[in-house]
Structures are given as structure tokens and as C-alpha cells.
N, C-alpha and C. Protein backbone atom coordinates (compact mmCIF):
# COMPACT_ATOMS: atom_id res chain seq x y z
N MET A 1 186.84 -179.39 -63.37
CA MET A 1 186.98 -178.34 -62.83
C MET A 1 188.04 -177.39 -63.01
N ALA A 2 187.64 -176.21 -63.17
CA ALA A 2 188.85 -175.35 -63.81
C ALA A 2 189.93 -175.03 -62.76
N ARG A 3 191.10 -174.79 -63.05
CA ARG A 3 191.90 -174.19 -62.01
C ARG A 3 192.19 -172.82 -61.89
N PHE A 4 192.17 -172.14 -60.70
CA PHE A 4 192.33 -170.52 -60.68
C PHE A 4 193.84 -170.44 -61.22
N LYS A 5 194.17 -169.58 -62.14
CA LYS A 5 195.60 -169.39 -62.53
C LYS A 5 196.16 -168.09 -61.89
N ASN A 6 197.14 -167.97 -61.21
CA ASN A 6 197.68 -166.57 -60.63
C ASN A 6 198.96 -166.44 -61.57
N ARG A 7 199.39 -165.20 -61.08
CA ARG A 7 200.27 -164.36 -61.81
C ARG A 7 201.16 -163.91 -60.65
N TYR A 8 202.60 -164.24 -60.74
CA TYR A 8 203.63 -163.66 -59.68
C TYR A 8 204.19 -162.80 -60.17
N PHE A 9 204.41 -161.53 -59.36
CA PHE A 9 205.13 -160.34 -59.80
C PHE A 9 206.47 -160.45 -58.80
N LEU A 10 207.71 -159.94 -59.15
CA LEU A 10 208.86 -159.36 -58.38
C LEU A 10 209.04 -158.07 -58.72
N TYR A 11 208.68 -157.14 -57.64
CA TYR A 11 209.00 -155.73 -57.65
C TYR A 11 210.08 -155.11 -56.91
N LEU A 12 210.70 -154.25 -57.41
CA LEU A 12 211.84 -153.64 -56.68
C LEU A 12 211.18 -152.22 -56.16
N LEU A 13 211.04 -151.84 -54.89
CA LEU A 13 210.76 -150.84 -54.33
C LEU A 13 211.94 -149.70 -54.36
N THR A 14 211.70 -148.53 -54.71
CA THR A 14 212.61 -147.43 -54.88
C THR A 14 212.47 -146.23 -54.25
N TRP A 15 212.95 -145.68 -53.11
CA TRP A 15 212.46 -144.51 -52.49
C TRP A 15 213.30 -143.42 -53.21
N ARG A 16 212.37 -142.34 -53.64
CA ARG A 16 212.92 -141.42 -54.24
C ARG A 16 213.71 -140.51 -53.77
N ASN A 17 213.46 -140.21 -52.27
CA ASN A 17 214.35 -139.56 -51.56
C ASN A 17 215.47 -140.21 -50.94
N GLY A 18 215.60 -141.26 -51.05
CA GLY A 18 216.66 -142.22 -50.55
C GLY A 18 216.60 -142.39 -49.01
N ASN A 19 215.17 -141.99 -48.29
CA ASN A 19 215.07 -142.52 -47.16
C ASN A 19 214.35 -143.58 -47.16
N ARG A 20 214.67 -144.82 -46.72
CA ARG A 20 213.80 -146.17 -46.49
C ARG A 20 212.44 -146.05 -45.34
N ASP A 21 211.70 -146.30 -45.60
CA ASP A 21 210.63 -146.38 -44.38
C ASP A 21 210.58 -147.71 -43.84
N ASP A 22 211.20 -147.74 -42.64
CA ASP A 22 211.13 -149.11 -42.04
C ASP A 22 209.63 -149.65 -41.41
N THR A 23 208.80 -148.43 -41.41
CA THR A 23 207.18 -148.95 -41.26
C THR A 23 206.40 -149.58 -41.95
N LEU A 24 206.79 -149.66 -43.39
CA LEU A 24 206.04 -150.19 -44.17
C LEU A 24 205.93 -151.78 -43.97
N SER A 25 204.62 -152.11 -44.07
CA SER A 25 204.42 -153.71 -44.00
C SER A 25 203.56 -154.30 -45.10
N GLU A 26 203.56 -155.45 -45.14
CA GLU A 26 202.91 -156.21 -46.18
C GLU A 26 201.38 -155.74 -46.12
N SER A 27 201.11 -155.61 -44.91
CA SER A 27 199.39 -155.03 -44.92
C SER A 27 199.32 -153.74 -45.61
N LEU A 28 200.07 -152.70 -45.08
CA LEU A 28 200.07 -151.29 -45.69
C LEU A 28 200.08 -151.46 -46.95
N LEU A 29 201.36 -152.17 -47.66
CA LEU A 29 201.48 -152.01 -48.87
C LEU A 29 199.94 -152.70 -49.72
N LEU A 30 199.54 -153.73 -49.30
CA LEU A 30 198.32 -154.10 -49.78
C LEU A 30 196.95 -153.33 -49.96
N GLN A 31 197.19 -152.59 -48.97
CA GLN A 31 196.24 -151.47 -48.63
C GLN A 31 196.31 -150.41 -49.80
N CYS A 32 197.59 -150.10 -49.95
CA CYS A 32 198.20 -148.93 -50.90
C CYS A 32 197.68 -149.50 -52.13
N ILE A 33 197.94 -150.74 -52.78
CA ILE A 33 197.51 -151.35 -53.94
C ILE A 33 196.12 -151.21 -54.15
N ARG A 34 195.13 -151.84 -53.22
CA ARG A 34 193.93 -151.69 -53.17
C ARG A 34 193.00 -150.31 -53.53
N ASP A 35 193.98 -149.40 -52.87
CA ASP A 35 193.52 -147.92 -53.07
C ASP A 35 193.75 -147.43 -54.31
N SER A 36 194.99 -147.69 -54.86
CA SER A 36 195.27 -147.32 -56.19
C SER A 36 194.27 -148.09 -57.41
N VAL A 37 194.09 -149.34 -56.92
CA VAL A 37 193.25 -149.85 -58.05
C VAL A 37 191.89 -149.35 -58.01
N GLN A 38 191.13 -149.14 -56.74
CA GLN A 38 189.84 -148.49 -56.66
C GLN A 38 189.84 -146.92 -57.49
N THR A 39 190.99 -146.45 -57.04
CA THR A 39 191.04 -144.80 -57.49
C THR A 39 190.95 -144.90 -59.01
N ASN A 40 191.85 -145.69 -59.49
CA ASN A 40 192.19 -145.76 -61.16
C ASN A 40 191.28 -146.69 -61.98
N PHE A 41 190.74 -147.65 -61.24
CA PHE A 41 190.18 -148.55 -62.32
C PHE A 41 188.85 -148.67 -61.93
N GLY A 42 188.34 -148.33 -60.63
CA GLY A 42 186.97 -148.34 -60.17
C GLY A 42 186.50 -149.78 -59.11
N ASP A 43 185.50 -149.41 -58.64
CA ASP A 43 185.00 -150.87 -57.65
C ASP A 43 184.86 -152.04 -58.41
N THR A 44 184.40 -151.98 -59.67
CA THR A 44 184.30 -153.24 -60.34
C THR A 44 185.69 -153.98 -60.43
N VAL A 45 186.73 -153.44 -60.70
CA VAL A 45 187.92 -154.19 -60.92
C VAL A 45 188.57 -154.36 -59.38
N LEU A 46 188.09 -153.56 -58.57
CA LEU A 46 188.55 -153.80 -57.10
C LEU A 46 187.89 -154.90 -56.64
N GLY A 47 186.73 -155.30 -56.88
CA GLY A 47 185.83 -156.61 -56.46
C GLY A 47 186.38 -157.75 -57.08
N ALA A 48 186.94 -157.65 -58.28
CA ALA A 48 187.53 -158.67 -59.18
C ALA A 48 188.80 -159.28 -58.68
N ILE A 49 189.33 -158.27 -58.18
CA ILE A 49 190.85 -158.68 -57.70
C ILE A 49 191.02 -158.92 -56.04
N LEU A 50 190.03 -158.58 -55.39
CA LEU A 50 190.19 -158.95 -53.71
C LEU A 50 190.50 -160.04 -53.25
N ALA A 51 189.89 -161.28 -54.11
CA ALA A 51 189.98 -162.34 -53.75
C ALA A 51 191.46 -162.93 -53.85
N SER A 52 192.18 -162.44 -54.93
CA SER A 52 193.43 -163.08 -55.33
C SER A 52 194.63 -162.20 -55.07
N LEU A 53 194.41 -160.76 -54.80
CA LEU A 53 195.49 -159.82 -54.32
C LEU A 53 196.22 -160.31 -53.21
N GLN A 54 197.40 -160.59 -53.32
CA GLN A 54 198.26 -161.05 -51.81
C GLN A 54 199.63 -160.20 -52.05
N VAL A 55 200.20 -159.87 -51.11
CA VAL A 55 201.42 -159.74 -50.86
C VAL A 55 202.04 -160.85 -50.24
N LYS A 56 202.95 -161.42 -50.93
CA LYS A 56 203.53 -162.65 -50.38
C LYS A 56 204.96 -162.59 -49.42
N PHE A 57 205.70 -161.59 -50.15
CA PHE A 57 207.07 -161.40 -49.62
C PHE A 57 207.29 -159.62 -49.61
N LEU A 58 207.86 -159.24 -48.69
CA LEU A 58 208.37 -158.04 -48.62
C LEU A 58 209.70 -157.71 -47.87
N CYS A 59 210.75 -157.34 -48.10
CA CYS A 59 211.95 -157.07 -47.71
C CYS A 59 212.34 -155.54 -47.80
N LEU A 60 212.43 -154.80 -46.64
CA LEU A 60 212.83 -153.29 -46.87
C LEU A 60 214.15 -153.23 -47.25
N ALA A 61 215.02 -154.09 -46.38
CA ALA A 61 216.55 -154.15 -46.63
C ALA A 61 216.75 -154.12 -48.37
N SER A 62 216.06 -154.84 -48.84
CA SER A 62 216.69 -155.12 -50.58
C SER A 62 215.82 -154.39 -51.17
N GLY A 63 214.36 -154.09 -50.85
CA GLY A 63 213.35 -153.46 -51.54
C GLY A 63 212.59 -154.23 -52.49
N LEU A 64 212.73 -155.72 -52.15
CA LEU A 64 212.12 -156.62 -53.13
C LEU A 64 210.73 -156.83 -52.61
N CYS A 65 209.88 -157.21 -53.36
CA CYS A 65 208.26 -157.50 -52.93
C CYS A 65 207.80 -158.48 -53.77
N ILE A 66 207.33 -159.58 -53.56
CA ILE A 66 206.42 -160.37 -54.57
C ILE A 66 204.89 -160.19 -54.28
N ILE A 67 204.34 -160.02 -55.39
CA ILE A 67 202.95 -159.71 -55.25
C ILE A 67 202.20 -161.02 -56.15
N ARG A 68 201.26 -161.47 -55.30
CA ARG A 68 200.30 -162.43 -56.35
C ARG A 68 199.00 -161.91 -56.58
N CYS A 69 198.47 -162.41 -57.99
CA CYS A 69 197.10 -161.70 -58.33
C CYS A 69 196.70 -162.72 -59.45
N GLY A 70 195.25 -162.65 -59.71
CA GLY A 70 194.87 -163.71 -60.55
C GLY A 70 195.51 -163.13 -62.08
N ARG A 71 195.42 -164.16 -63.09
CA ARG A 71 195.95 -163.84 -64.06
C ARG A 71 195.29 -163.10 -65.10
N ASP A 72 193.96 -162.81 -64.91
CA ASP A 72 193.05 -162.00 -65.57
C ASP A 72 193.16 -160.70 -65.06
N GLU A 73 193.51 -160.62 -63.90
CA GLU A 73 193.74 -158.97 -63.42
C GLU A 73 194.95 -158.34 -63.46
N SER A 74 196.08 -159.22 -63.91
CA SER A 74 197.45 -158.62 -63.93
C SER A 74 197.77 -157.43 -64.40
N GLN A 75 197.16 -157.11 -65.56
CA GLN A 75 197.41 -155.90 -66.14
C GLN A 75 197.00 -154.56 -65.41
N GLN A 76 195.81 -154.85 -64.81
CA GLN A 76 195.34 -153.68 -63.85
C GLN A 76 196.06 -153.41 -62.40
N ILE A 77 196.75 -154.70 -61.65
CA ILE A 77 197.49 -154.60 -60.84
C ILE A 77 198.93 -153.63 -61.28
N THR A 78 199.31 -154.00 -62.62
CA THR A 78 200.71 -153.36 -62.91
C THR A 78 200.45 -152.09 -62.94
N GLY A 79 199.29 -151.80 -63.55
CA GLY A 79 199.04 -150.32 -63.85
C GLY A 79 198.60 -149.45 -62.58
N ALA A 80 197.87 -150.00 -61.77
CA ALA A 80 197.71 -149.63 -60.32
C ALA A 80 199.24 -149.23 -59.51
N LEU A 81 200.13 -150.44 -59.76
CA LEU A 81 201.51 -149.97 -59.09
C LEU A 81 202.40 -149.27 -59.69
N SER A 82 202.31 -149.08 -61.11
CA SER A 82 203.02 -147.91 -61.67
C SER A 82 202.03 -146.56 -61.47
N LEU A 83 201.15 -146.34 -60.99
CA LEU A 83 200.52 -145.22 -60.69
C LEU A 83 200.84 -144.89 -59.05
N ILE A 84 201.20 -145.63 -58.15
CA ILE A 84 201.50 -145.15 -56.85
C ILE A 84 202.74 -144.56 -56.76
N SER A 85 202.60 -143.36 -56.46
CA SER A 85 203.77 -142.53 -56.23
C SER A 85 204.46 -142.19 -54.93
N GLU A 86 203.39 -142.62 -53.71
CA GLU A 86 203.87 -142.15 -52.30
C GLU A 86 203.07 -143.07 -51.44
N VAL A 87 203.67 -143.67 -50.63
CA VAL A 87 203.23 -144.52 -49.46
C VAL A 87 203.65 -143.79 -48.18
N LYS A 88 202.71 -143.49 -47.39
CA LYS A 88 202.70 -142.93 -45.90
C LYS A 88 203.68 -141.66 -46.13
N GLN A 89 203.38 -140.49 -46.95
CA GLN A 89 204.14 -139.62 -47.30
C GLN A 89 205.67 -139.68 -47.70
N ASN A 90 206.24 -140.77 -48.30
CA ASN A 90 207.03 -141.05 -48.59
C ASN A 90 207.16 -141.54 -50.05
N ARG A 91 208.00 -140.67 -51.20
CA ARG A 91 207.65 -140.81 -52.30
C ARG A 91 208.67 -142.28 -52.75
N LEU A 92 207.94 -143.02 -53.61
CA LEU A 92 208.63 -144.17 -53.88
C LEU A 92 208.01 -144.69 -55.38
N PHE A 93 208.52 -145.63 -56.08
CA PHE A 93 208.05 -146.25 -57.13
C PHE A 93 208.59 -147.58 -57.25
N PHE A 94 207.70 -148.45 -58.11
CA PHE A 94 208.02 -149.55 -58.31
C PHE A 94 208.30 -150.14 -59.50
N THR A 95 209.51 -151.00 -59.66
CA THR A 95 209.92 -151.42 -60.82
C THR A 95 209.80 -152.91 -61.00
N CYS A 96 209.31 -153.48 -61.93
CA CYS A 96 208.82 -154.69 -62.05
C CYS A 96 210.07 -155.53 -62.72
N LEU A 97 210.62 -156.40 -62.09
CA LEU A 97 211.99 -157.10 -62.27
C LEU A 97 211.42 -158.38 -63.00
N TYR A 98 210.36 -159.13 -62.55
CA TYR A 98 209.99 -160.35 -62.99
C TYR A 98 208.50 -160.99 -62.86
N SER A 99 208.07 -161.59 -63.94
CA SER A 99 206.50 -161.80 -63.85
C SER A 99 206.60 -163.19 -64.21
N SER A 100 205.75 -163.87 -63.54
CA SER A 100 205.75 -165.56 -63.76
C SER A 100 204.39 -166.04 -63.24
N GLY A 101 203.99 -167.07 -63.80
CA GLY A 101 202.86 -167.69 -63.35
C GLY A 101 203.18 -168.76 -62.40
N ASN A 102 204.27 -169.06 -62.13
CA ASN A 102 204.89 -170.02 -61.25
C ASN A 102 205.51 -169.27 -60.00
N PHE A 103 205.13 -169.57 -58.65
CA PHE A 103 206.06 -169.16 -57.77
C PHE A 103 207.11 -169.51 -57.25
N LEU A 104 207.32 -170.64 -57.70
CA LEU A 104 208.88 -171.12 -57.21
C LEU A 104 209.92 -170.43 -58.24
N SER A 105 209.53 -170.26 -59.51
CA SER A 105 210.40 -169.40 -60.30
C SER A 105 210.54 -167.93 -59.90
N CYS A 106 209.65 -167.40 -59.44
CA CYS A 106 209.57 -166.19 -59.18
C CYS A 106 210.54 -165.98 -57.70
N ARG A 107 210.50 -166.98 -56.75
CA ARG A 107 211.10 -167.05 -55.61
C ARG A 107 212.58 -167.19 -56.04
N GLU A 108 212.82 -168.00 -56.97
CA GLU A 108 214.27 -168.07 -57.39
C GLU A 108 214.97 -166.85 -57.78
N VAL A 109 214.35 -166.10 -58.63
CA VAL A 109 214.58 -164.92 -59.23
C VAL A 109 214.89 -164.15 -57.84
N ALA A 110 214.13 -163.92 -57.04
CA ALA A 110 214.27 -162.98 -55.83
C ALA A 110 215.54 -163.33 -55.09
N LEU A 111 215.42 -164.65 -54.70
CA LEU A 111 216.89 -165.14 -54.07
C LEU A 111 218.01 -164.87 -54.72
N VAL A 112 218.24 -164.69 -56.31
CA VAL A 112 219.30 -164.27 -57.04
C VAL A 112 219.60 -162.50 -56.66
N ASN A 113 218.31 -161.85 -56.86
CA ASN A 113 218.37 -160.59 -56.66
C ASN A 113 218.60 -160.21 -55.36
N HIS A 114 218.23 -160.98 -54.27
CA HIS A 114 218.51 -160.52 -52.81
C HIS A 114 219.98 -160.81 -52.56
N ALA A 115 220.48 -162.10 -53.40
CA ALA A 115 222.23 -162.01 -53.14
C ALA A 115 223.07 -160.91 -53.72
N ALA A 116 222.32 -160.33 -54.93
CA ALA A 116 223.08 -159.31 -55.32
C ALA A 116 223.29 -157.96 -54.59
N VAL A 117 222.20 -157.80 -53.78
CA VAL A 117 222.13 -156.62 -52.96
C VAL A 117 223.01 -156.92 -51.87
N ALA A 118 222.96 -158.13 -51.36
CA ALA A 118 223.85 -158.48 -50.06
C ALA A 118 225.20 -158.37 -50.67
N GLN A 119 225.53 -158.41 -51.89
CA GLN A 119 227.13 -158.09 -51.91
C GLN A 119 227.70 -156.96 -52.09
N ALA A 120 226.87 -155.86 -51.98
CA ALA A 120 227.19 -154.31 -51.78
C ALA A 120 227.68 -154.14 -50.25
N ASN A 121 228.36 -152.91 -50.10
CA ASN A 121 229.02 -152.43 -48.94
C ASN A 121 227.98 -152.00 -47.84
N LEU A 122 227.19 -152.73 -47.05
CA LEU A 122 226.24 -152.29 -46.45
C LEU A 122 226.77 -152.48 -44.85
N SER A 123 225.90 -151.91 -44.00
CA SER A 123 226.14 -151.71 -42.51
C SER A 123 225.83 -153.19 -41.95
N THR A 124 226.29 -153.47 -40.91
CA THR A 124 226.00 -154.78 -40.31
C THR A 124 224.44 -154.90 -39.86
N LYS A 125 223.83 -153.73 -39.33
CA LYS A 125 222.14 -154.05 -39.20
C LYS A 125 221.50 -154.47 -40.53
N LEU A 126 221.88 -153.83 -41.41
CA LEU A 126 221.33 -153.96 -42.97
C LEU A 126 221.71 -155.43 -43.21
N LYS A 127 222.75 -155.78 -43.01
CA LYS A 127 223.24 -157.51 -43.59
C LYS A 127 222.37 -158.21 -42.65
N SER A 128 222.09 -158.09 -41.34
CA SER A 128 221.16 -158.99 -40.61
C SER A 128 220.22 -159.16 -41.08
N GLN A 129 219.55 -157.89 -41.21
CA GLN A 129 217.88 -157.79 -41.82
C GLN A 129 217.86 -158.73 -43.14
N LEU A 130 219.11 -158.56 -44.29
CA LEU A 130 219.05 -159.00 -45.39
C LEU A 130 219.17 -160.91 -45.14
N VAL A 131 219.85 -161.20 -44.20
CA VAL A 131 220.10 -162.54 -43.70
C VAL A 131 218.55 -163.22 -43.34
N GLU A 132 218.17 -162.27 -42.61
CA GLU A 132 216.66 -162.61 -41.95
C GLU A 132 215.81 -162.85 -43.36
N ALA A 133 215.62 -161.68 -44.10
CA ALA A 133 214.84 -162.03 -45.17
C ALA A 133 214.96 -162.91 -46.02
N LYS A 134 216.27 -163.43 -46.29
CA LYS A 134 216.55 -164.53 -47.11
C LYS A 134 216.00 -165.78 -46.60
N GLU A 135 216.10 -165.97 -45.34
CA GLU A 135 215.65 -167.18 -44.81
C GLU A 135 214.09 -167.29 -44.83
N ARG A 136 213.54 -165.92 -44.59
CA ARG A 136 211.93 -165.76 -44.60
C ARG A 136 211.39 -166.25 -46.02
N LEU A 137 212.50 -165.81 -47.16
CA LEU A 137 211.92 -166.12 -48.65
C LEU A 137 212.20 -167.40 -48.83
N ARG A 138 213.21 -168.19 -48.23
CA ARG A 138 213.45 -169.61 -48.50
C ARG A 138 212.33 -170.49 -48.06
N ALA A 139 211.96 -170.27 -46.91
CA ALA A 139 210.85 -170.85 -46.08
C ALA A 139 209.54 -170.55 -46.62
N LEU A 140 209.19 -169.59 -47.62
CA LEU A 140 208.11 -169.15 -48.02
C LEU A 140 207.48 -170.32 -48.88
N GLU A 141 205.87 -170.57 -48.89
CA GLU A 141 205.36 -171.76 -49.46
C GLU A 141 204.33 -170.92 -50.29
N LEU A 142 203.93 -172.03 -51.00
CA LEU A 142 202.54 -171.14 -51.66
C LEU A 142 201.59 -171.22 -50.83
């Protein structure tokens, strides 16, 4: 029996106007990715990715996001993410920091990047959000 192979991406979300949207959620981001895939690649590719596409982690304080998709559809997902220019009237772009076939290695890279953001001079509210997100990331399972 064949095993379903996944690809995990670590993305950095960067807001172009500098204003972070705190109402962005994992489900909203997933819907934006699906809309971008449908617009740019059509219904056939959208149908192929629906079963495997998932936003595993999203931290707005650090701007980190882990996305899982099927290995065969990974090029379409990266293309769709690079073509997203705004979410909820907020201009942002995605930068791929890491790509892996293993979730644990992607999570470790996310923890390192998360710690780098936490070292910056931030407000106490933002630091508490980062600590909470770090604990969620550590507790995240496959």
C-alpha cells in the first residue's frame, strides 16, 4: 500500500503597509489559498489539493505560518501563495523560509525563527502572544 507523501512549508507573512491584521485566522488563510489556486490554476488543481491542503500553524505576532500539502501539488501551492497580494484589504506577501517532507524538521526551524523574532524589542502584549504561540507550536502534532 502506498503512503501519501506530504510537503510542509514554513512561510513568513509580511504586511506591506506595516499594519498587522489580528483578525486573520487559519481558516481565513486557508480559504484565501484555495481561492488563489482556483483563480490561477483552475478547478482541476483545486480538486486535487483539497484533501491535503491544511494550515497547521499561524502566528500573527511573528508572522510565521506552516502549511501542509501533497508532494505532487507543492509547486501549485507555492505559485498560488506567491500570487496572493492582499487578504481582507490588507496588502501582504509570503516568503518561503523552509520546505520539508517532514513536519518535525519544519517545526524545529519554525521554533528557531520564532526565537529570533522574540529577541527583538517588542511590547509586552506582543511578547505574551509570542510565548503563547511558541507553546502552541511545541504542542503541535502531526
